[in-house]
C-alpha atoms as a PDB file:
ATOM      1  CA  MET A   1       0.000   0.000   0.000  1.00  0.00           C
ATOM      2  CA  THR A   2       1.355   3.404  -0.980  1.00  0.00           C
ATOM      3  CA  THR A   3       1.614   6.376   1.360  1.00  0.00           C
ATOM      4  CA  PRO A   4      -0.910   9.069   0.392  1.00  0.00           C
ATOM      5  CA  THR A   5       0.125  12.687   0.017  1.00  0.00           C
ATOM      6  CA  ILE A   6      -2.111  15.596   0.948  1.00  0.00           C
ATOM      7  CA  THR A   7      -1.631  19.273   0.237  1.00  0.00           C
ATOM      8  CA  ALA A   8      -1.846  22.021   2.835  1.00  0.00           C
ATOM      9  CA  LEU A   9      -1.187  25.735   2.951  1.00  0.00           C
ATOM     10  CA  ALA A  10       2.372  26.704   3.751  1.00  0.00           C
ATOM     11  CA  ALA A  11       0.949  29.543   5.853  1.00  0.00           C
ATOM     12  CA  SER A  12      -2.672  29.133   6.940  1.00  0.00           C
ATOM     13  CA  PRO A  13      -4.763  32.299   7.473  1.00  0.00           C
ATOM     14  CA  ASP A  14      -5.814  31.014  10.901  1.00  0.00           C
ATOM     15  CA  GLY A  15      -2.201  30.705  12.023  1.00  0.00           C
ATOM     16  CA  GLY A  16      -2.489  27.020  12.833  1.00  0.00           C
ATOM     17  CA  LYS A  17      -5.676  27.061  14.944  1.00  0.00           C
ATOM     18  CA  GLY A  18      -6.928  23.952  13.189  1.00  0.00           C
ATOM     19  CA  LEU A  19      -9.583  25.618  11.031  1.00  0.00           C
ATOM     20  CA  ALA A  20      -7.898  24.961   7.684  1.00  0.00           C
ATOM     21  CA  ARG A  21      -9.586  22.108   5.863  1.00  0.00           C
ATOM     22  CA  ASP A  22      -6.474  19.969   5.672  1.00  0.00           C
ATOM     23  CA  THR A  23      -6.959  19.460   9.433  1.00  0.00           C
ATOM     24  CA  ARG A  24     -10.036  17.352   8.702  1.00  0.00           C
ATOM     25  CA  VAL A  25      -8.088  15.089   6.407  1.00  0.00           C
ATOM     26  CA  ARG A  26      -5.141  14.854   8.789  1.00  0.00           C
ATOM     27  CA  TRP A  27      -7.561  13.930  11.579  1.00  0.00           C
ATOM     28  CA  ALA A  28      -9.206  11.186   9.532  1.00  0.00           C
ATOM     29  CA  LEU A  29      -5.835   9.714   8.572  1.00  0.00           C
ATOM     30  CA  GLU A  30      -4.718   9.790  12.203  1.00  0.00           C
ATOM     31  CA  GLU A  31      -7.934   8.089  13.355  1.00  0.00           C
ATOM     32  CA  VAL A  32      -7.418   5.123  11.027  1.00  0.00           C
ATOM     33  CA  GLY A  33      -3.668   4.932  11.608  1.00  0.00           C
ATOM     34  CA  GLN A  34      -2.707   5.707   8.014  1.00  0.00           C
ATOM     35  CA  PRO A  35       0.738   7.309   7.562  1.00  0.00           C
ATOM     36  CA  TYR A  36       0.716  10.213   5.122  1.00  0.00           C
ATOM     37  CA  GLU A  37       2.916  12.888   3.637  1.00  0.00           C
ATOM     38  CA  VAL A  38       2.163  16.584   3.281  1.00  0.00           C
ATOM     39  CA  ARG A  39       3.151  18.828   0.404  1.00  0.00           C
ATOM     40  CA  LEU A  40       2.917  22.490   1.350  1.00  0.00           C
ATOM     41  CA  VAL A  41       1.687  24.993  -1.219  1.00  0.00           C
ATOM     42  CA  SER A  42       1.512  28.783  -1.224  1.00  0.00           C
ATOM     43  CA  PHE A  43      -1.545  30.837  -2.148  1.00  0.00           C
ATOM     44  CA  GLY A  44       0.123  31.629  -5.436  1.00  0.00           C
ATOM     45  CA  ALA A  45       0.926  28.005  -6.198  1.00  0.00           C
ATOM     46  CA  MET A  46      -2.711  27.019  -5.676  1.00  0.00           C
ATOM     47  CA  LYS A  47      -3.642  29.009  -8.799  1.00  0.00           C
ATOM     48  CA  GLU A  48      -0.907  27.564 -10.984  1.00  0.00           C
ATOM     49  CA  PRO A  49      -1.533  24.801 -13.559  1.00  0.00           C
ATOM     50  CA  ALA A  50       0.199  22.056 -11.552  1.00  0.00           C
ATOM     51  CA  HIS A  51      -2.157  22.469  -8.602  1.00  0.00           C
ATOM     52  CA  LEU A  52      -5.227  23.199 -10.732  1.00  0.00           C
ATOM     53  CA  ALA A  53      -4.664  19.799 -12.344  1.00  0.00           C
ATOM     54  CA  LEU A  54      -5.263  18.317  -8.868  1.00  0.00           C
ATOM     55  CA  HIS A  55      -7.970  20.725  -7.700  1.00  0.00           C
ATOM     56  CA  PRO A  56      -9.862  22.536 -10.463  1.00  0.00           C
ATOM     57  CA  PHE A  57     -10.999  25.263  -8.048  1.00  0.00           C
ATOM     58  CA  GLY A  58      -7.512  26.053  -6.807  1.00  0.00           C
ATOM     59  CA  GLN A  59      -8.015  25.144  -3.158  1.00  0.00           C
ATOM     60  CA  ILE A  60      -6.619  22.758  -0.563  1.00  0.00           C
ATOM     61  CA  PRO A  61      -6.489  20.015   0.464  1.00  0.00           C
ATOM     62  CA  THR A  62      -5.938  17.484  -2.266  1.00  0.00           C
ATOM     63  CA  TYR A  63      -5.255  13.789  -1.800  1.00  0.00           C
ATOM     64  CA  GLU A  64      -2.956  11.693  -3.981  1.00  0.00           C
ATOM     65  CA  ASP A  65      -2.507   7.949  -3.598  1.00  0.00           C
ATOM     66  CA  GLY A  66      -0.875   6.221  -6.529  1.00  0.00           C
ATOM     67  CA  ASP A  67      -2.979   7.015  -9.604  1.00  0.00           C
ATOM     68  CA  LEU A  68      -5.862   8.341  -7.514  1.00  0.00           C
ATOM     69  CA  VAL A  69      -6.283  12.088  -7.079  1.00  0.00           C
ATOM     70  CA  LEU A  70      -9.146  13.495  -4.989  1.00  0.00           C
ATOM     71  CA  PHE A  71     -10.274  16.938  -3.919  1.00  0.00           C
ATOM     72  CA  GLU A  72     -13.084  18.154  -1.597  1.00  0.00           C
ATOM     73  CA  THR A  73     -12.765  17.094   2.033  1.00  0.00           C
ATOM     74  CA  GLY A  74     -16.039  15.162   2.050  1.00  0.00           C
ATOM     75  CA  SER A  75     -14.876  12.953  -0.792  1.00  0.00           C
ATOM     76  CA  ILE A  76     -11.369  12.519   0.614  1.00  0.00           C
ATOM     77  CA  ILE A  77     -12.519  11.613   4.110  1.00  0.00           C
ATOM     78  CA  PHE A  78     -15.229   9.268   2.846  1.00  0.00           C
ATOM     79  CA  HIS A  79     -12.577   7.480   0.780  1.00  0.00           C
ATOM     80  CA  ILE A  80     -10.312   7.159   3.834  1.00  0.00           C
ATOM     81  CA  ALA A  81     -13.179   5.865   5.970  1.00  0.00           C
ATOM     82  CA  GLN A  82     -14.106   3.265   3.363  1.00  0.00           C
ATOM     83  CA  ARG A  83     -10.569   1.953   2.965  1.00  0.00           C
ATOM     84  CA  ARG A  84      -9.565   1.685   6.619  1.00  0.00           C
ATOM     85  CA  ALA A  85     -11.522   0.555   9.677  1.00  0.00           C
ATOM     86  CA  GLY A  86     -12.349   2.936  12.465  1.00  0.00           C
ATOM     87  CA  LEU A  87     -14.602   5.663  11.084  1.00  0.00           C
ATOM     88  CA  LEU A  88     -17.580   3.797   9.618  1.00  0.00           C
ATOM     89  CA  PRO A  89     -19.807   1.285  11.456  1.00  0.00           C
ATOM     90  CA  VAL A  90     -19.942  -2.287  10.185  1.00  0.00           C
ATOM     91  CA  ASP A  91     -23.749  -2.464  10.414  1.00  0.00           C
ATOM     92  CA  ALA A  92     -25.238  -1.366   7.080  1.00  0.00           C
ATOM     93  CA  ASN A  93     -27.964   0.857   8.512  1.00  0.00           C
ATOM     94  CA  ALA A  94     -25.626   2.523  11.000  1.00  0.00           C
ATOM     95  CA  ARG A  95     -23.153   3.032   8.183  1.00  0.00           C
ATOM     96  CA  ALA A  96     -25.795   4.751   6.060  1.00  0.00           C
ATOM     97  CA  ARG A  97     -26.808   7.019   8.936  1.00  0.00           C
ATOM     98  CA  THR A  98     -23.173   7.947   9.551  1.00  0.00           C
ATOM     99  CA  ILE A  99     -22.718   8.925   5.906  1.00  0.00           C
ATOM    100  CA  THR A 100     -25.895  10.999   6.173  1.00  0.00           C
ATOM    101  CA  TRP A 101     -24.427  12.928   9.118  1.00  0.00           C
ATOM    102  CA  MET A 102     -21.258  13.591   7.148  1.00  0.00           C
ATOM    103  CA  PHE A 103     -23.318  15.118   4.347  1.00  0.00           C
ATOM    104  CA  ALA A 104     -25.442  17.027   6.866  1.00  0.00           C
ATOM    105  CA  ALA A 105     -22.327  18.629   8.327  1.00  0.00           C
ATOM    106  CA  LEU A 106     -21.230  19.841   4.894  1.00  0.00           C
ATOM    107  CA  SER A 107     -24.604  20.674   3.346  1.00  0.00           C
ATOM    108  CA  SER A 108     -26.846  21.806   6.217  1.00  0.00           C
ATOM    109  CA  VAL A 109     -24.592  23.027   9.031  1.00  0.00           C
ATOM    110  CA  GLU A 110     -21.475  24.417   7.374  1.00  0.00           C
ATOM    111  CA  PRO A 111     -23.076  26.882   4.882  1.00  0.00           C
ATOM    112  CA  PRO A 112     -24.637  29.243   7.469  1.00  0.00           C
ATOM    113  CA  ILE A 113     -21.465  29.067   9.574  1.00  0.00           C
ATOM    114  CA  LEU A 114     -19.299  30.020   6.592  1.00  0.00           C
ATOM    115  CA  GLU A 115     -21.753  32.761   5.716  1.00  0.00           C
ATOM    116  CA  LEU A 116     -21.292  34.188   9.205  1.00  0.00           C
ATOM    117  CA  ALA A 117     -17.503  33.952   8.983  1.00  0.00           C
ATOM    118  CA  ASN A 118     -17.490  35.681   5.603  1.00  0.00           C
ATOM    119  CA  ALA A 119     -19.852  38.383   6.851  1.00  0.00           C
ATOM    120  CA  LYS A 120     -17.389  39.238   9.599  1.00  0.00           C
ATOM    121  CA  LEU A 121     -14.092  38.820   7.787  1.00  0.00           C
ATOM    122  CA  LEU A 122     -14.879  39.882   4.237  1.00  0.00           C
ATOM    123  CA  GLU A 123     -17.896  42.173   4.554  1.00  0.00           C
ATOM    124  CA  GLY A 124     -17.352  43.832   7.929  1.00  0.00           C
ATOM    125  CA  ASP A 125     -16.373  47.147   6.331  1.00  0.00           C
ATOM    126  CA  LYS A 126     -19.453  47.351   4.094  1.00  0.00           C
ATOM    127  CA  PRO A 127     -22.100  49.967   4.924  1.00  0.00           C
ATOM    128  CA  TRP A 128     -24.819  47.321   5.110  1.00  0.00           C
ATOM    129  CA  SER A 129     -22.819  44.937   7.290  1.00  0.00           C
ATOM    130  CA  LYS A 130     -24.307  46.014  10.652  1.00  0.00           C
ATOM    131  CA  GLU A 131     -27.844  45.347   9.419  1.00  0.00           C
ATOM    132  CA  ARG A 132     -26.990  42.029   7.793  1.00  0.00           C
ATOM    133  CA  LEU A 133     -24.828  40.508  10.523  1.00  0.00           C
ATOM    134  CA  PRO A 134     -27.662  39.813  13.020  1.00  0.00           C
ATOM    135  CA  LEU A 135     -29.642  38.055  10.298  1.00  0.00           C
ATOM    136  CA  VAL A 136     -26.673  35.880   9.353  1.00  0.00           C
ATOM    137  CA  SER A 137     -25.975  35.114  13.022  1.00  0.00           C
ATOM    138  CA  ASP A 138     -29.577  34.057  13.585  1.00  0.00           C
ATOM    139  CA  ARG A 139     -29.471  31.693  10.619  1.00  0.00           C
ATOM    140  CA  ALA A 140     -26.461  29.967  12.162  1.00  0.00           C
ATOM    141  CA  ARG A 141     -28.221  29.855  15.543  1.00  0.00           C
ATOM    142  CA  ASP A 142     -31.330  28.300  14.019  1.00  0.00           C
ATOM    143  CA  ARG A 143     -29.261  25.461  12.584  1.00  0.00           C
ATOM    144  CA  LEU A 144     -27.471  24.950  15.897  1.00  0.00           C
ATOM    145  CA  LYS A 145     -30.775  24.795  17.756  1.00  0.00           C
ATOM    146  CA  GLN A 146     -31.838  21.918  15.523  1.00  0.00           C
ATOM    147  CA  LEU A 147     -28.540  20.109  15.886  1.00  0.00           C
ATOM    148  CA  SER A 148     -28.478  20.662  19.642  1.00  0.00           C
ATOM    149  CA  ALA A 149     -31.976  19.215  19.992  1.00  0.00           C
ATOM    150  CA  ARG A 150     -30.997  16.146  18.002  1.00  0.00           C
ATOM    151  CA  LEU A 151     -27.750  15.515  19.881  1.00  0.00           C
ATOM    152  CA  GLY A 152     -29.379  15.958  23.279  1.00  0.00           C
ATOM    153  CA  SER A 153     -27.274  14.406  26.021  1.00  0.00           C
ATOM    154  CA  ALA A 154     -25.546  11.881  23.748  1.00  0.00           C
ATOM    155  CA  ASP A 155     -21.782  11.863  23.347  1.00  0.00           C
ATOM    156  CA  TRP A 156     -21.919  11.398  19.568  1.00  0.00           C
ATOM    157  CA  LEU A 157     -24.492  11.750  16.804  1.00  0.00           C
ATOM    158  CA  ASP A 158     -25.270   8.078  16.280  1.00  0.00           C
ATOM    159  CA  GLY A 159     -23.721   5.595  18.684  1.00  0.00           C
ATOM    160  CA  GLY A 160     -19.941   5.636  18.746  1.00  0.00           C
ATOM    161  CA  PHE A 161     -17.616   8.236  17.270  1.00  0.00           C
ATOM    162  CA  SER A 162     -17.668   8.184  13.480  1.00  0.00           C
ATOM    163  CA  VAL A 163     -16.707  10.083  10.352  1.00  0.00           C
ATOM    164  CA  GLY A 164     -19.972  12.000  10.775  1.00  0.00           C
ATOM    165  CA  ASP A 165     -18.793  13.319  14.131  1.00  0.00           C
ATOM    166  CA  LEU A 166     -15.342  14.124  12.777  1.00  0.00           C
ATOM    167  CA  MET A 167     -16.819  16.289  10.047  1.00  0.00           C
ATOM    168  CA  MET A 168     -19.441  17.903  12.283  1.00  0.00           C
ATOM    169  CA  VAL A 169     -16.962  18.784  15.032  1.00  0.00           C
ATOM    170  CA  HIS A 170     -14.607  20.422  12.576  1.00  0.00           C
ATOM    171  CA  VAL A 171     -17.444  22.403  11.001  1.00  0.00           C
ATOM    172  CA  LEU A 172     -18.599  23.636  14.423  1.00  0.00           C
ATOM    173  CA  GLN A 173     -15.110  24.680  15.482  1.00  0.00           C
ATOM    174  CA  ARG A 174     -15.305  27.705  13.200  1.00  0.00           C
ATOM    175  CA  LEU A 175     -17.965  29.161  15.512  1.00  0.00           C
ATOM    176  CA  LYS A 176     -15.804  29.177  18.627  1.00  0.00           C
ATOM    177  CA  PRO A 177     -14.447  32.735  18.222  1.00  0.00           C
ATOM    178  CA  SER A 178     -17.979  34.124  17.750  1.00  0.00           C
ATOM    179  CA  GLY A 179     -19.223  32.868  21.135  1.00  0.00           C
ATOM    180  CA  ILE A 180     -22.349  31.423  19.513  1.00  0.00           C
ATOM    181  CA  LEU A 181     -21.246  27.855  20.173  1.00  0.00           C
ATOM    182  CA  ASP A 182     -21.193  28.555  23.919  1.00  0.00           C
ATOM    183  CA  GLU A 183     -24.918  29.318  23.748  1.00  0.00           C
ATOM    184  CA  PHE A 184     -25.415  25.575  23.244  1.00  0.00           C
ATOM    185  CA  PRO A 185     -23.589  23.793  26.087  1.00  0.00           C
ATOM    186  CA  ASN A 186     -24.150  20.303  24.702  1.00  0.00           C
ATOM    187  CA  LEU A 187     -22.634  21.289  21.360  1.00  0.00           C
ATOM    188  CA  ALA A 188     -19.690  23.023  23.029  1.00  0.00           C
ATOM    189  CA  ALA A 189     -19.076  19.846  25.054  1.00  0.00           C
ATOM    190  CA  TYR A 190     -19.454  17.771  21.888  1.00  0.00           C
ATOM    191  CA  VAL A 191     -16.735  19.773  20.148  1.00  0.00           C
ATOM    192  CA  ALA A 192     -14.512  19.500  23.227  1.00  0.00           C
ATOM    193  CA  ARG A 193     -14.888  15.693  23.162  1.00  0.00           C
ATOM    194  CA  GLY A 194     -13.758  15.640  19.557  1.00  0.00           C
ATOM    195  CA  GLU A 195     -10.781  17.867  20.313  1.00  0.00           C
ATOM    196  CA  ALA A 196      -9.796  15.590  23.207  1.00  0.00           C
ATOM    197  CA  ARG A 197      -9.321  12.607  20.917  1.00  0.00           C
ATOM    198  CA  PRO A 198      -5.628  11.669  20.538  1.00  0.00           C
ATOM    199  CA  ALA A 199      -5.951  11.538  16.745  1.00  0.00           C
ATOM    200  CA  TYR A 200      -7.281  15.092  16.654  1.00  0.00           C
ATOM    201  CA  LYS A 201      -4.489  16.302  18.911  1.00  0.00           C
ATOM    202  CA  ARG A 202      -1.910  14.809  16.566  1.00  0.00           C
ATOM    203  CA  ALA A 203      -3.555  16.401  13.521  1.00  0.00           C
ATOM    204  CA  PHE A 204      -3.795  19.775  15.259  1.00  0.00           C
ATOM    205  CA  ALA A 205      -0.167  19.646  16.372  1.00  0.00           C
ATOM    206  CA  ALA A 206       0.998  18.797  12.849  1.00  0.00           C
ATOM    207  CA  GLN A 207      -0.853  21.746  11.356  1.00  0.00           C
ATOM    208  CA  LEU A 208       0.315  24.082  14.113  1.00  0.00           C
ATOM    209  CA  THR A 209       3.932  23.056  13.555  1.00  0.00           C
ATOM    210  CA  VAL A 210       3.727  24.043   9.882  1.00  0.00           C
ATOM    211  CA  ASN A 211       2.420  27.491  10.754  1.00  0.00           C
ATOM    212  CA  THR A 212       4.824  27.991  13.643  1.00  0.00           C
ATOM    213  CA  ASP A 213       7.750  27.193  11.371  1.00  0.00           C
ATOM    214  CA  ALA A 214       6.424  29.269   8.497  1.00  0.00           C
END
């Protein structure tokens, strides 16, 4: 079996706080015990032909394993979970539910969170920003209310820790600076449980090291 190579930013905008999307892939690889290599790319290099051949939208991460090249974290992590034990249940129905939660994290929960992040970082200086920000914040809150109600007092979304939890925890982490996550104690505790996992700690440390050395 070959050693896969992923790409990551040589200098992440978050300074190594674990929010860059390569952290998700690192975490998944650490959970299943798969060694991997990292090729660092600059913002400029992401728009050059060599990288665009791997990722048509000029982003990170990408995943290369032999002749296989993947982009989009959902696809990459699903591939990892399918190939190695540890992130997907054996039971067929539980497996299907887990995959559903992975898609829910990316399709239902992440969009309003990213909208909020963009409203603060990219649109904060616009004249209409003050009026729009509360609306964007409330859309994120509405989604968290639904997720919080579903999680309840459980440790994880559906039985044991899975790829669905990995993706959901990483999506929710982006809310930590806003304080909105703390409005939902069970979700804040849920994220903390994910961050306490040894595999996550290794992934976080690896990404932090890159940005500390940069």
